[in-house]
Amino acid sequence: MRFWGVGNESWGCGGEFAPDEYAVEYRRYTAWVPEFGVKLALIGSGPNGGDLDWTMRFFAKLTEKGKGALGTMYGWALHYYCGTSGAGQAIDFTIDDWYSLLGKATRMESLITEHWSAMGEIDSEHRVKLVVDEWGAWHRAGTEVHPAYLFGQTPTMRDALITALTLDTFHRHADKVAMSNAAQLINNLHCLFLAREDQFIVTPTYHVFAMYAAHQRAQALRTLFAGPAHSGREKDDRWNVAGLAGSASLQGKTLVLTAVNTDAAQPLDAEILLRGAVAQRATVSTLAHPDIHAHNSFAAPNTVEVRTAAIEARGSAFTYRLPPASVSKVTVELAS
């Protein structure tokens, strides 16, 4: 086992520490750790959302005896749940709830850049990377597959788009984020699977992870997206979300572009421009459904699923119509 978290949410249920206190405890428990032939990667218990004070005070105290202490740390764990919106319902939500929750999910971008900047005030070489190991939606109880399952919820297309927007954010900041994890796998919060007795199904969230696996071990590319923005109101707050967002990567001559159309009702005709490359052919895998509340269940396990087809893509520019409320993966084979 290489990766070890040194505490968890030490600002709260993991000890109720002040950041200075936790830094002393981190130094204490990492002063000497037997590796048994495995190069350990130790991960510090980082901030709750936008708590920059936790990050700055921890790193200041950690390096009080010298910056050599940074050498013991592989990652700094950031936790951020975009939570829920409106009445907190996982399935029964409004259009405002749709846009406001997607807007909350995109806050991940600023959290990454702000904490990265704060870390850099002490760790100027950025030896320590961010590890976002808890994130996603957190709805009220009521849609769990069994009442005994703690924090259970049924993911819908809205949760699928939250997943895609978040993973694309991580890809755009691949130089900063060394690891990211959906902390709950089955029957809990932002999960990939639902199970009960001998029944087992995948959720829309799973499909996004499966689609985005094509980015793994590839080189992240710089991308620019432009499209009409949307907004949703929640009480006195208004949350904005880009109409089009995504990321891209390159592995050999294969370019993978993932894109999210956040418009709940309208398709988006996108022009895809390649800089310094020429497309030979392309396929697109799309996760979409006419109903933004759509979800899989034991009775209907394939309500939400991915469809793949070839598209016309030659040269340095081509177009593709993204369905409303969709996640798309465009795989482009480039000319040699």
C-alpha atoms as a PDB file:
ATOM      1  CA  MET A   1       0.000   0.000   0.000  1.00  0.00           C
ATOM      2  CA  ARG A   2       1.635   3.201  -1.168  1.00  0.00           C
ATOM      3  CA  PHE A   3      -0.893   5.951  -0.449  1.00  0.00           C
ATOM      4  CA  TRP A   4      -1.663   6.838   3.171  1.00  0.00           C
ATOM      5  CA  GLY A   5      -3.796   9.639   4.560  1.00  0.00           C
ATOM      6  CA  VAL A   6      -2.391  11.084   7.768  1.00  0.00           C
ATOM      7  CA  GLY A   7      -5.722  11.721   9.452  1.00  0.00           C
ATOM      8  CA  ASN A   8      -8.986  12.684   7.775  1.00  0.00           C
ATOM      9  CA  GLU A   9     -10.926  15.936   8.092  1.00  0.00           C
ATOM     10  CA  SER A  10      -8.758  16.850  11.041  1.00  0.00           C
ATOM     11  CA  TRP A  11     -10.466  20.256  11.145  1.00  0.00           C
ATOM     12  CA  GLY A  12     -13.692  18.506  12.204  1.00  0.00           C
ATOM     13  CA  CYS A  13     -14.684  14.930  12.978  1.00  0.00           C
ATOM     14  CA  GLY A  14     -11.071  13.801  12.590  1.00  0.00           C
ATOM     15  CA  GLY A  15      -9.862  15.555  15.743  1.00  0.00           C
ATOM     16  CA  GLU A  16     -11.224  19.122  15.892  1.00  0.00           C
ATOM     17  CA  PHE A  17      -7.665  20.406  15.513  1.00  0.00           C
ATOM     18  CA  ALA A  18      -6.568  23.922  14.733  1.00  0.00           C
ATOM     19  CA  PRO A  19      -4.287  23.899  11.656  1.00  0.00           C
ATOM     20  CA  ASP A  20      -1.227  24.639  13.784  1.00  0.00           C
ATOM     21  CA  GLU A  21      -2.026  21.726  16.088  1.00  0.00           C
ATOM     22  CA  TYR A  22      -2.568  19.361  13.195  1.00  0.00           C
ATOM     23  CA  ALA A  23       0.753  20.383  11.616  1.00  0.00           C
ATOM     24  CA  VAL A  24       2.571  19.368  14.811  1.00  0.00           C
ATOM     25  CA  GLU A  25       0.746  16.035  14.854  1.00  0.00           C
ATOM     26  CA  TYR A  26       1.568  15.487  11.173  1.00  0.00           C
ATOM     27  CA  ARG A  27       5.271  16.073  11.839  1.00  0.00           C
ATOM     28  CA  ARG A  28       5.128  13.772  14.820  1.00  0.00           C
ATOM     29  CA  TYR A  29       3.549  10.817  13.015  1.00  0.00           C
ATOM     30  CA  THR A  30       5.616  11.150   9.838  1.00  0.00           C
ATOM     31  CA  ALA A  31       9.003  11.664  11.489  1.00  0.00           C
ATOM     32  CA  TRP A  32       9.842   8.014  10.886  1.00  0.00           C
ATOM     33  CA  VAL A  33       7.659   5.532   9.027  1.00  0.00           C
ATOM     34  CA  PRO A  34       8.922   2.094   7.913  1.00  0.00           C
ATOM     35  CA  GLU A  35       8.423   1.611   4.176  1.00  0.00           C
ATOM     36  CA  PHE A  36       9.165  -2.126   3.767  1.00  0.00           C
ATOM     37  CA  GLY A  37      10.330  -1.577   0.199  1.00  0.00           C
ATOM     38  CA  VAL A  38       7.404   0.607  -0.852  1.00  0.00           C
ATOM     39  CA  LYS A  39       7.933   4.313  -1.517  1.00  0.00           C
ATOM     40  CA  LEU A  40       5.143   5.774   0.589  1.00  0.00           C
ATOM     41  CA  ALA A  41       3.022   8.727  -0.523  1.00  0.00           C
ATOM     42  CA  LEU A  42       1.699  10.518   2.571  1.00  0.00           C
ATOM     43  CA  ILE A  43      -1.314  12.785   2.224  1.00  0.00           C
ATOM     44  CA  GLY A  44      -2.080  15.560   4.680  1.00  0.00           C
ATOM     45  CA  SER A  45      -5.594  16.296   5.894  1.00  0.00           C
ATOM     46  CA  GLY A  46      -6.360  19.434   3.940  1.00  0.00           C
ATOM     47  CA  PRO A  47      -9.097  22.056   4.003  1.00  0.00           C
ATOM     48  CA  ASN A  48     -12.854  21.985   4.084  1.00  0.00           C
ATOM     49  CA  GLY A  49     -13.808  23.742   0.857  1.00  0.00           C
ATOM     50  CA  GLY A  50     -12.513  27.303   0.711  1.00  0.00           C
ATOM     51  CA  ASP A  51     -10.815  27.414   4.113  1.00  0.00           C
ATOM     52  CA  LEU A  52      -7.570  29.063   2.972  1.00  0.00           C
ATOM     53  CA  ASP A  53      -6.630  29.815   6.581  1.00  0.00           C
ATOM     54  CA  TRP A  54      -6.348  26.049   7.247  1.00  0.00           C
ATOM     55  CA  THR A  55      -3.965  25.645   4.310  1.00  0.00           C
ATOM     56  CA  MET A  56      -1.786  28.678   5.031  1.00  0.00           C
ATOM     57  CA  ARG A  57      -1.435  28.089   8.774  1.00  0.00           C
ATOM     58  CA  PHE A  58      -0.731  24.374   8.311  1.00  0.00           C
ATOM     59  CA  PHE A  59       2.102  24.915   5.835  1.00  0.00           C
ATOM     60  CA  ALA A  60       3.564  27.742   7.906  1.00  0.00           C
ATOM     61  CA  LYS A  61       3.666  25.562  11.030  1.00  0.00           C
ATOM     62  CA  LEU A  62       4.789  22.439   9.175  1.00  0.00           C
ATOM     63  CA  THR A  63       7.899  24.224   7.879  1.00  0.00           C
ATOM     64  CA  GLU A  64       8.628  26.072  11.123  1.00  0.00           C
ATOM     65  CA  LYS A  65      11.732  23.907  11.610  1.00  0.00           C
ATOM     66  CA  GLY A  66      12.660  24.020   7.939  1.00  0.00           C
ATOM     67  CA  LYS A  67      11.215  23.334   4.504  1.00  0.00           C
ATOM     68  CA  GLY A  68      12.625  19.828   4.577  1.00  0.00           C
ATOM     69  CA  ALA A  69       9.323  18.808   6.162  1.00  0.00           C
ATOM     70  CA  LEU A  70       7.692  19.285   2.768  1.00  0.00           C
ATOM     71  CA  GLY A  71       9.632  16.264   1.569  1.00  0.00           C
ATOM     72  CA  THR A  72       7.482  13.996   3.728  1.00  0.00           C
ATOM     73  CA  MET A  73       4.254  15.019   1.992  1.00  0.00           C
ATOM     74  CA  TYR A  74       2.963  13.770  -1.348  1.00  0.00           C
ATOM     75  CA  GLY A  75      -0.433  15.468  -1.331  1.00  0.00           C
ATOM     76  CA  TRP A  76      -2.760  17.881   0.407  1.00  0.00           C
ATOM     77  CA  ALA A  77      -6.340  16.597   0.627  1.00  0.00           C
ATOM     78  CA  LEU A  78      -9.077  19.041  -0.347  1.00  0.00           C
ATOM     79  CA  HIS A  79     -12.711  18.119   0.368  1.00  0.00           C
ATOM     80  CA  TYR A  80     -15.603  19.856  -1.364  1.00  0.00           C
ATOM     81  CA  TYR A  81     -19.149  18.601  -1.798  1.00  0.00           C
ATOM     82  CA  CYS A  82     -21.283  20.809  -4.011  1.00  0.00           C
ATOM     83  CA  GLY A  83     -24.131  19.377  -1.947  1.00  0.00           C
ATOM     84  CA  THR A  84     -27.649  19.794  -3.273  1.00  0.00           C
ATOM     85  CA  SER A  85     -30.007  22.585  -4.283  1.00  0.00           C
ATOM     86  CA  GLY A  86     -33.576  23.755  -3.751  1.00  0.00           C
ATOM     87  CA  ALA A  87     -35.482  21.341  -1.548  1.00  0.00           C
ATOM     88  CA  GLY A  88     -32.546  18.943  -1.583  1.00  0.00           C
ATOM     89  CA  GLN A  89     -34.238  16.243  -3.608  1.00  0.00           C
ATOM     90  CA  ALA A  90     -32.054  13.865  -5.624  1.00  0.00           C
ATOM     91  CA  ILE A  91     -34.679  13.169  -8.315  1.00  0.00           C
ATOM     92  CA  ASP A  92     -37.506  15.690  -7.970  1.00  0.00           C
ATOM     93  CA  PHE A  93     -35.787  19.013  -8.754  1.00  0.00           C
ATOM     94  CA  THR A  94     -36.554  22.156 -10.751  1.00  0.00           C
ATOM     95  CA  ILE A  95     -34.705  23.828 -13.637  1.00  0.00           C
ATOM     96  CA  ASP A  96     -33.343  26.379 -11.146  1.00  0.00           C
ATOM     97  CA  ASP A  97     -32.120  23.470  -9.026  1.00  0.00           C
ATOM     98  CA  TRP A  98     -30.434  22.004 -12.111  1.00  0.00           C
ATOM     99  CA  TYR A  99     -28.435  25.121 -12.956  1.00  0.00           C
ATOM    100  CA  SER A 100     -27.671  26.168  -9.382  1.00  0.00           C
ATOM    101  CA  LEU A 101     -26.183  22.779  -8.479  1.00  0.00           C
ATOM    102  CA  LEU A 102     -24.118  22.620 -11.662  1.00  0.00           C
ATOM    103  CA  GLY A 103     -22.906  26.109 -10.792  1.00  0.00           C
ATOM    104  CA  LYS A 104     -21.925  24.956  -7.303  1.00  0.00           C
ATOM    105  CA  ALA A 105     -19.977  22.064  -8.843  1.00  0.00           C
ATOM    106  CA  THR A 106     -17.890  24.461 -10.947  1.00  0.00           C
ATOM    107  CA  ARG A 107     -16.655  26.154  -7.763  1.00  0.00           C
ATOM    108  CA  MET A 108     -14.050  23.388  -7.763  1.00  0.00           C
ATOM    109  CA  GLU A 109     -12.029  25.432 -10.276  1.00  0.00           C
ATOM    110  CA  SER A 110     -11.466  28.379  -7.933  1.00  0.00           C
ATOM    111  CA  LEU A 111     -10.852  26.098  -4.947  1.00  0.00           C
ATOM    112  CA  ILE A 112      -8.000  24.412  -6.798  1.00  0.00           C
ATOM    113  CA  THR A 113      -6.365  27.630  -7.955  1.00  0.00           C
ATOM    114  CA  GLU A 114      -6.776  29.444  -4.624  1.00  0.00           C
ATOM    115  CA  HIS A 115      -5.379  26.632  -2.465  1.00  0.00           C
ATOM    116  CA  TRP A 116      -2.590  26.030  -4.988  1.00  0.00           C
ATOM    117  CA  SER A 117      -1.613  29.684  -4.696  1.00  0.00           C
ATOM    118  CA  ALA A 118      -1.753  29.557  -0.889  1.00  0.00           C
ATOM    119  CA  MET A 119       0.420  26.426  -0.813  1.00  0.00           C
ATOM    120  CA  GLY A 120       2.914  28.136  -3.105  1.00  0.00           C
ATOM    121  CA  GLU A 121       3.562  30.887  -0.579  1.00  0.00           C
ATOM    122  CA  ILE A 122       5.493  28.307   1.462  1.00  0.00           C
ATOM    123  CA  ASP A 123       6.068  25.502  -1.037  1.00  0.00           C
ATOM    124  CA  SER A 124       7.370  27.686  -3.853  1.00  0.00           C
ATOM    125  CA  GLU A 125       8.547  24.664  -5.862  1.00  0.00           C
ATOM    126  CA  HIS A 126       5.136  23.006  -5.476  1.00  0.00           C
ATOM    127  CA  ARG A 127       6.546  19.713  -4.330  1.00  0.00           C
ATOM    128  CA  VAL A 128       3.200  18.966  -2.671  1.00  0.00           C
ATOM    129  CA  LYS A 129       0.247  18.414  -5.019  1.00  0.00           C
ATOM    130  CA  LEU A 130      -3.472  18.604  -4.381  1.00  0.00           C
ATOM    131  CA  VAL A 131      -5.459  15.432  -3.705  1.00  0.00           C
ATOM    132  CA  VAL A 132      -9.209  15.990  -4.039  1.00  0.00           C
ATOM    133  CA  ASP A 133     -10.404  12.838  -2.354  1.00  0.00           C
ATOM    134  CA  GLU A 134     -13.978  13.777  -1.400  1.00  0.00           C
ATOM    135  CA  TRP A 135     -16.315  15.603  -3.768  1.00  0.00           C
ATOM    136  CA  GLY A 136     -19.681  15.387  -5.485  1.00  0.00           C
ATOM    137  CA  ALA A 137     -23.377  15.812  -4.753  1.00  0.00           C
ATOM    138  CA  TRP A 138     -24.984  15.243  -1.352  1.00  0.00           C
ATOM    139  CA  HIS A 139     -28.785  15.140  -1.454  1.00  0.00           C
ATOM    140  CA  ARG A 140     -31.380  14.623   1.251  1.00  0.00           C
ATOM    141  CA  ALA A 141     -32.450  11.111   2.159  1.00  0.00           C
ATOM    142  CA  GLY A 142     -35.463   9.589   0.446  1.00  0.00           C
ATOM    143  CA  THR A 143     -34.185   7.919  -2.725  1.00  0.00           C
ATOM    144  CA  GLU A 144     -31.858   5.341  -1.155  1.00  0.00           C
ATOM    145  CA  VAL A 145     -32.409   1.741  -2.331  1.00  0.00           C
ATOM    146  CA  HIS A 146     -32.820   0.604   1.284  1.00  0.00           C
ATOM    147  CA  PRO A 147     -33.609   2.724   4.374  1.00  0.00           C
ATOM    148  CA  ALA A 148     -30.707   1.161   6.282  1.00  0.00           C
ATOM    149  CA  TYR A 149     -28.149   2.479   3.784  1.00  0.00           C
ATOM    150  CA  LEU A 150     -26.598   5.596   5.327  1.00  0.00           C
ATOM    151  CA  PHE A 151     -26.483   8.672   3.057  1.00  0.00           C
ATOM    152  CA  GLY A 152     -27.960   6.708   0.166  1.00  0.00           C
ATOM    153  CA  GLN A 153     -29.225   8.549  -2.893  1.00  0.00           C
ATOM    154  CA  THR A 154     -30.121   7.775  -6.507  1.00  0.00           C
ATOM    155  CA  PRO A 155     -27.906   9.607  -9.019  1.00  0.00           C
ATOM    156  CA  THR A 156     -29.610  11.194 -12.045  1.00  0.00           C
ATOM    157  CA  MET A 157     -28.422  12.925 -15.216  1.00  0.00           C
ATOM    158  CA  ARG A 158     -27.775  15.992 -13.065  1.00  0.00           C
ATOM    159  CA  ASP A 159     -25.233  14.023 -11.039  1.00  0.00           C
ATOM    160  CA  ALA A 160     -23.686  12.746 -14.263  1.00  0.00           C
ATOM    161  CA  LEU A 161     -23.045  16.320 -15.419  1.00  0.00           C
ATOM    162  CA  ILE A 162     -21.635  17.234 -11.994  1.00  0.00           C
ATOM    163  CA  THR A 163     -19.213  14.336 -12.409  1.00  0.00           C
ATOM    164  CA  ALA A 164     -18.165  15.401 -15.896  1.00  0.00           C
ATOM    165  CA  LEU A 165     -17.740  19.074 -15.000  1.00  0.00           C
ATOM    166  CA  THR A 166     -15.597  18.104 -12.006  1.00  0.00           C
ATOM    167  CA  LEU A 167     -13.416  15.567 -13.827  1.00  0.00           C
ATOM    168  CA  ASP A 168     -12.856  18.067 -16.646  1.00  0.00           C
ATOM    169  CA  THR A 169     -11.748  20.600 -14.042  1.00  0.00           C
ATOM    170  CA  PHE A 170      -9.209  18.134 -12.672  1.00  0.00           C
ATOM    171  CA  HIS A 171      -7.907  17.467 -16.191  1.00  0.00           C
ATOM    172  CA  ARG A 172      -7.479  21.183 -16.871  1.00  0.00           C
ATOM    173  CA  HIS A 173      -5.360  21.376 -13.713  1.00  0.00           C
ATOM    174  CA  ALA A 174      -3.369  18.175 -14.167  1.00  0.00           C
ATOM    175  CA  ASP A 175      -0.217  20.033 -13.076  1.00  0.00           C
ATOM    176  CA  LYS A 176      -1.806  20.709  -9.685  1.00  0.00           C
ATOM    177  CA  VAL A 177      -4.067  17.730  -8.918  1.00  0.00           C
ATOM    178  CA  ALA A 178      -2.155  14.486  -8.421  1.00  0.00           C
ATOM    179  CA  MET A 179      -5.150  12.397  -7.402  1.00  0.00           C
ATOM    180  CA  SER A 180      -8.918  12.712  -7.221  1.00  0.00           C
ATOM    181  CA  ASN A 181     -11.399  10.247  -5.795  1.00  0.00           C
ATOM    182  CA  ALA A 182     -15.131   9.876  -5.534  1.00  0.00           C
ATOM    183  CA  ALA A 183     -15.069   8.725  -1.935  1.00  0.00           C
ATOM    184  CA  GLN A 184     -18.226   6.625  -2.056  1.00  0.00           C
ATOM    185  CA  LEU A 185     -18.506   3.727  -4.494  1.00  0.00           C
ATOM    186  CA  ILE A 186     -21.745   1.854  -3.744  1.00  0.00           C
ATOM    187  CA  ASN A 187     -25.090   2.965  -2.246  1.00  0.00           C
ATOM    188  CA  ASN A 188     -23.678   6.142  -0.756  1.00  0.00           C
ATOM    189  CA  LEU A 189     -23.725   9.772  -1.900  1.00  0.00           C
ATOM    190  CA  HIS A 190     -22.112  10.373  -5.314  1.00  0.00           C
ATOM    191  CA  CYS A 191     -21.851   6.668  -6.059  1.00  0.00           C
ATOM    192  CA  LEU A 192     -21.121   4.658  -9.197  1.00  0.00           C
ATOM    193  CA  PHE A 193     -23.160   1.585  -8.293  1.00  0.00           C
ATOM    194  CA  LEU A 194     -26.394   0.651  -6.532  1.00  0.00           C
ATOM    195  CA  ALA A 195     -26.783  -2.784  -4.963  1.00  0.00           C
ATOM    196  CA  ARG A 196     -29.290  -4.675  -2.874  1.00  0.00           C
ATOM    197  CA  GLU A 197     -29.149  -8.407  -2.207  1.00  0.00           C
ATOM    198  CA  ASP A 198     -28.597 -10.021  -5.640  1.00  0.00           C
ATOM    199  CA  GLN A 199     -29.356  -6.815  -7.601  1.00  0.00           C
ATOM    200  CA  PHE A 200     -26.558  -4.611  -8.924  1.00  0.00           C
ATOM    201  CA  ILE A 201     -26.725  -1.707 -11.393  1.00  0.00           C
ATOM    202  CA  VAL A 202     -24.560   1.135 -12.635  1.00  0.00           C
ATOM    203  CA  THR A 203     -25.520   4.786 -12.194  1.00  0.00           C
ATOM    204  CA  PRO A 204     -25.166   7.690 -14.652  1.00  0.00           C
ATOM    205  CA  THR A 205     -22.121   8.705 -12.597  1.00  0.00           C
ATOM    206  CA  TYR A 206     -20.465   5.384 -13.463  1.00  0.00           C
ATOM    207  CA  HIS A 207     -20.956   5.985 -17.172  1.00  0.00           C
ATOM    208  CA  VAL A 208     -19.077   9.286 -16.957  1.00  0.00           C
ATOM    209  CA  PHE A 209     -16.154   7.658 -15.154  1.00  0.00           C
ATOM    210  CA  ALA A 210     -16.063   4.912 -17.789  1.00  0.00           C
ATOM    211  CA  MET A 211     -16.087   7.464 -20.624  1.00  0.00           C
ATOM    212  CA  TYR A 212     -13.402   9.627 -19.034  1.00  0.00           C
ATOM    213  CA  ALA A 213     -11.073   6.686 -18.427  1.00  0.00           C
ATOM    214  CA  ALA A 214      -9.813   7.377 -21.953  1.00  0.00           C
ATOM    215  CA  HIS A 215      -7.915  10.382 -20.534  1.00  0.00           C
ATOM    216  CA  GLN A 216      -5.818   8.213 -18.227  1.00  0.00           C
ATOM    217  CA  ARG A 217      -2.062   8.085 -18.898  1.00  0.00           C
ATOM    218  CA  ALA A 218      -2.450  10.741 -21.616  1.00  0.00           C
ATOM    219  CA  GLN A 219      -1.045  14.259 -21.884  1.00  0.00           C
ATOM    220  CA  ALA A 220      -3.417  17.062 -20.929  1.00  0.00           C
ATOM    221  CA  LEU A 221      -3.961  19.659 -23.638  1.00  0.00           C
ATOM    222  CA  ARG A 222      -4.855  23.324 -23.347  1.00  0.00           C
ATOM    223  CA  THR A 223      -8.471  23.896 -24.319  1.00  0.00           C
ATOM    224  CA  LEU A 224     -10.670  26.939 -24.805  1.00  0.00           C
ATOM    225  CA  PHE A 225     -14.460  26.652 -24.662  1.00  0.00           C
ATOM    226  CA  ALA A 226     -17.024  29.300 -25.524  1.00  0.00           C
ATOM    227  CA  GLY A 227     -20.775  29.092 -25.237  1.00  0.00           C
ATOM    228  CA  PRO A 228     -23.797  30.817 -23.690  1.00  0.00           C
ATOM    229  CA  ALA A 229     -23.830  30.810 -19.890  1.00  0.00           C
ATOM    230  CA  HIS A 230     -26.779  29.784 -17.720  1.00  0.00           C
ATOM    231  CA  SER A 231     -27.797  30.574 -14.165  1.00  0.00           C
ATOM    232  CA  GLY A 232     -30.042  29.203 -11.469  1.00  0.00           C
ATOM    233  CA  ARG A 233     -31.507  30.911  -8.412  1.00  0.00           C
ATOM    234  CA  GLU A 234     -31.472  29.399  -4.941  1.00  0.00           C
ATOM    235  CA  LYS A 235     -33.139  31.661  -2.375  1.00  0.00           C
ATOM    236  CA  ASP A 236     -31.135  34.909  -2.562  1.00  0.00           C
ATOM    237  CA  ASP A 237     -28.177  33.350  -4.368  1.00  0.00           C
ATOM    238  CA  ARG A 238     -27.644  33.034  -8.101  1.00  0.00           C
ATOM    239  CA  TRP A 239     -25.231  30.407  -9.410  1.00  0.00           C
ATOM    240  CA  ASN A 240     -23.758  30.673 -12.895  1.00  0.00           C
ATOM    241  CA  VAL A 241     -22.519  27.817 -15.063  1.00  0.00           C
ATOM    242  CA  ALA A 242     -20.857  27.854 -18.473  1.00  0.00           C
ATOM    243  CA  GLY A 243     -22.988  26.525 -21.287  1.00  0.00           C
ATOM    244  CA  LEU A 244     -20.082  24.486 -22.642  1.00  0.00           C
ATOM    245  CA  ALA A 245     -17.117  23.096 -20.708  1.00  0.00           C
ATOM    246  CA  GLY A 246     -14.663  20.234 -21.041  1.00  0.00           C
ATOM    247  CA  SER A 247     -11.078  19.062 -21.401  1.00  0.00           C
ATOM    248  CA  ALA A 248      -8.829  17.256 -23.856  1.00  0.00           C
ATOM    249  CA  SER A 249      -5.846  14.917 -23.852  1.00  0.00           C
ATOM    250  CA  LEU A 250      -3.478  13.322 -26.330  1.00  0.00           C
ATOM    251  CA  GLN A 251      -1.973   9.844 -26.370  1.00  0.00           C
ATOM    252  CA  GLY A 252       0.025   8.994 -29.462  1.00  0.00           C
ATOM    253  CA  LYS A 253      -2.137  10.034 -32.398  1.00  0.00           C
ATOM    254  CA  THR A 254      -5.397   9.740 -30.456  1.00  0.00           C
ATOM    255  CA  LEU A 255      -7.033  12.921 -29.236  1.00  0.00           C
ATOM    256  CA  VAL A 256      -9.808  12.635 -26.645  1.00  0.00           C
ATOM    257  CA  LEU A 257     -12.103  15.604 -26.122  1.00  0.00           C
ATOM    258  CA  THR A 258     -14.775  15.512 -23.426  1.00  0.00           C
ATOM    259  CA  ALA A 259     -17.471  18.169 -23.383  1.00  0.00           C
ATOM    260  CA  VAL A 260     -20.568  19.020 -21.356  1.00  0.00           C
ATOM    261  CA  ASN A 261     -23.612  20.853 -22.677  1.00  0.00           C
ATOM    262  CA  THR A 262     -25.230  22.193 -19.517  1.00  0.00           C
ATOM    263  CA  ASP A 263     -28.345  23.546 -21.251  1.00  0.00           C
ATOM    264  CA  ALA A 264     -31.270  21.588 -19.825  1.00  0.00           C
ATOM    265  CA  ALA A 265     -33.388  21.895 -22.977  1.00  0.00           C
ATOM    266  CA  GLN A 266     -31.427  22.991 -26.042  1.00  0.00           C
ATOM    267  CA  PRO A 267     -28.780  21.235 -28.149  1.00  0.00           C
ATOM    268  CA  LEU A 268     -25.555  23.061 -28.895  1.00  0.00           C
ATOM    269  CA  ASP A 269     -23.880  23.148 -32.297  1.00  0.00           C
ATOM    270  CA  ALA A 270     -20.171  23.197 -31.490  1.00  0.00           C
ATOM    271  CA  GLU A 271     -17.324  23.938 -33.858  1.00  0.00           C
ATOM    272  CA  ILE A 272     -14.216  22.006 -32.870  1.00  0.00           C
ATOM    273  CA  LEU A 273     -10.954  23.624 -33.973  1.00  0.00           C
ATOM    274  CA  LEU A 274      -7.649  21.754 -33.788  1.00  0.00           C
ATOM    275  CA  ARG A 275      -4.462  23.774 -33.537  1.00  0.00           C
ATOM    276  CA  GLY A 276      -1.472  22.170 -35.254  1.00  0.00           C
ATOM    277  CA  ALA A 277      -3.255  18.903 -36.002  1.00  0.00           C
ATOM    278  CA  VAL A 278      -5.489  17.334 -38.650  1.00  0.00           C
ATOM    279  CA  ALA A 279      -8.330  14.906 -37.966  1.00  0.00           C
ATOM    280  CA  GLN A 280      -8.650  11.721 -40.033  1.00  0.00           C
ATOM    281  CA  ARG A 281     -11.742  10.229 -38.437  1.00  0.00           C
ATOM    282  CA  ALA A 282     -13.676  10.419 -35.178  1.00  0.00           C
ATOM    283  CA  THR A 283     -16.269   8.701 -33.047  1.00  0.00           C
ATOM    284  CA  VAL A 284     -18.430  10.205 -30.342  1.00  0.00           C
ATOM    285  CA  SER A 285     -19.824   8.571 -27.212  1.00  0.00           C
ATOM    286  CA  THR A 286     -22.745  10.434 -25.683  1.00  0.00           C
ATOM    287  CA  LEU A 287     -24.536  10.193 -22.362  1.00  0.00           C
ATOM    288  CA  ALA A 288     -27.881  11.939 -22.646  1.00  0.00           C
ATOM    289  CA  HIS A 289     -31.595  11.545 -21.970  1.00  0.00           C
ATOM    290  CA  PRO A 290     -34.641  13.690 -22.840  1.00  0.00           C
ATOM    291  CA  ASP A 291     -35.518  13.846 -19.132  1.00  0.00           C
ATOM    292  CA  ILE A 292     -32.954  15.589 -16.913  1.00  0.00           C
ATOM    293  CA  HIS A 293     -34.337  13.603 -13.953  1.00  0.00           C
ATOM    294  CA  ALA A 294     -33.603  10.265 -15.669  1.00  0.00           C
ATOM    295  CA  HIS A 295     -31.843   7.609 -13.599  1.00  0.00           C
ATOM    296  CA  ASN A 296     -31.271   3.882 -13.556  1.00  0.00           C
ATOM    297  CA  SER A 297     -33.162   1.572 -11.231  1.00  0.00           C
ATOM    298  CA  PHE A 298     -33.362  -2.143 -10.532  1.00  0.00           C
ATOM    299  CA  ALA A 299     -36.567  -2.236 -12.579  1.00  0.00           C
ATOM    300  CA  ALA A 300     -35.065  -0.229 -15.457  1.00  0.00           C
ATOM    301  CA  PRO A 301     -31.268  -0.573 -15.263  1.00  0.00           C
ATOM    302  CA  ASN A 302     -30.536   0.824 -18.743  1.00  0.00           C
ATOM    303  CA  THR A 303     -32.644   3.979 -18.736  1.00  0.00           C
ATOM    304  CA  VAL A 304     -29.459   6.064 -18.905  1.00  0.00           C
ATOM    305  CA  GLU A 305     -26.694   4.619 -21.049  1.00  0.00           C
ATOM    306  CA  VAL A 306     -23.936   5.646 -23.448  1.00  0.00           C
ATOM    307  CA  ARG A 307     -24.359   5.547 -27.211  1.00  0.00           C
ATOM    308  CA  THR A 308     -21.410   5.595 -29.625  1.00  0.00           C
ATOM    309  CA  ALA A 309     -21.353   6.490 -33.317  1.00  0.00           C
ATOM    310  CA  ALA A 310     -18.950   7.659 -36.010  1.00  0.00           C
ATOM    311  CA  ILE A 311     -19.060  11.326 -37.014  1.00  0.00           C
ATOM    312  CA  GLU A 312     -17.698  13.246 -39.981  1.00  0.00           C
ATOM    313  CA  ALA A 313     -14.373  14.747 -38.920  1.00  0.00           C
ATOM    314  CA  ARG A 314     -11.663  15.638 -41.418  1.00  0.00           C
ATOM    315  CA  GLY A 315      -9.169  18.461 -41.407  1.00  0.00           C
ATOM    316  CA  SER A 316      -8.500  20.958 -38.643  1.00  0.00           C
ATOM    317  CA  ALA A 317     -12.143  21.937 -38.041  1.00  0.00           C
ATOM    318  CA  PHE A 318     -15.412  20.034 -37.787  1.00  0.00           C
ATOM    319  CA  THR A 319     -18.764  20.408 -36.084  1.00  0.00           C
ATOM    320  CA  TYR A 320     -20.834  18.285 -33.734  1.00  0.00           C
ATOM    321  CA  ARG A 321     -24.255  18.873 -32.199  1.00  0.00           C
ATOM    322  CA  LEU A 322     -24.204  18.186 -28.472  1.00  0.00           C
ATOM    323  CA  PRO A 323     -27.622  17.071 -27.170  1.00  0.00           C
ATOM    324  CA  PRO A 324     -29.144  19.041 -24.301  1.00  0.00           C
ATOM    325  CA  ALA A 325     -28.043  18.083 -20.803  1.00  0.00           C
ATOM    326  CA  SER A 326     -25.349  15.788 -22.122  1.00  0.00           C
ATOM    327  CA  VAL A 327     -21.808  14.518 -21.682  1.00  0.00           C
ATOM    328  CA  SER A 328     -19.897  13.714 -24.869  1.00  0.00           C
ATOM    329  CA  LYS A 329     -16.544  12.085 -25.555  1.00  0.00           C
ATOM    330  CA  VAL A 330     -15.104  12.756 -28.995  1.00  0.00           C
ATOM    331  CA  THR A 331     -12.247  10.410 -29.935  1.00  0.00           C
ATOM    332  CA  VAL A 332     -10.256  11.746 -32.873  1.00  0.00           C
ATOM    333  CA  GLU A 333      -7.607   9.837 -34.795  1.00  0.00           C
ATOM    334  CA  LEU A 334      -5.074  12.363 -36.055  1.00  0.00           C
ATOM    335  CA  ALA A 335      -3.163  12.249 -39.304  1.00  0.00           C
ATOM    336  CA  SER A 336       0.486  11.284 -38.927  1.00  0.00           C
END
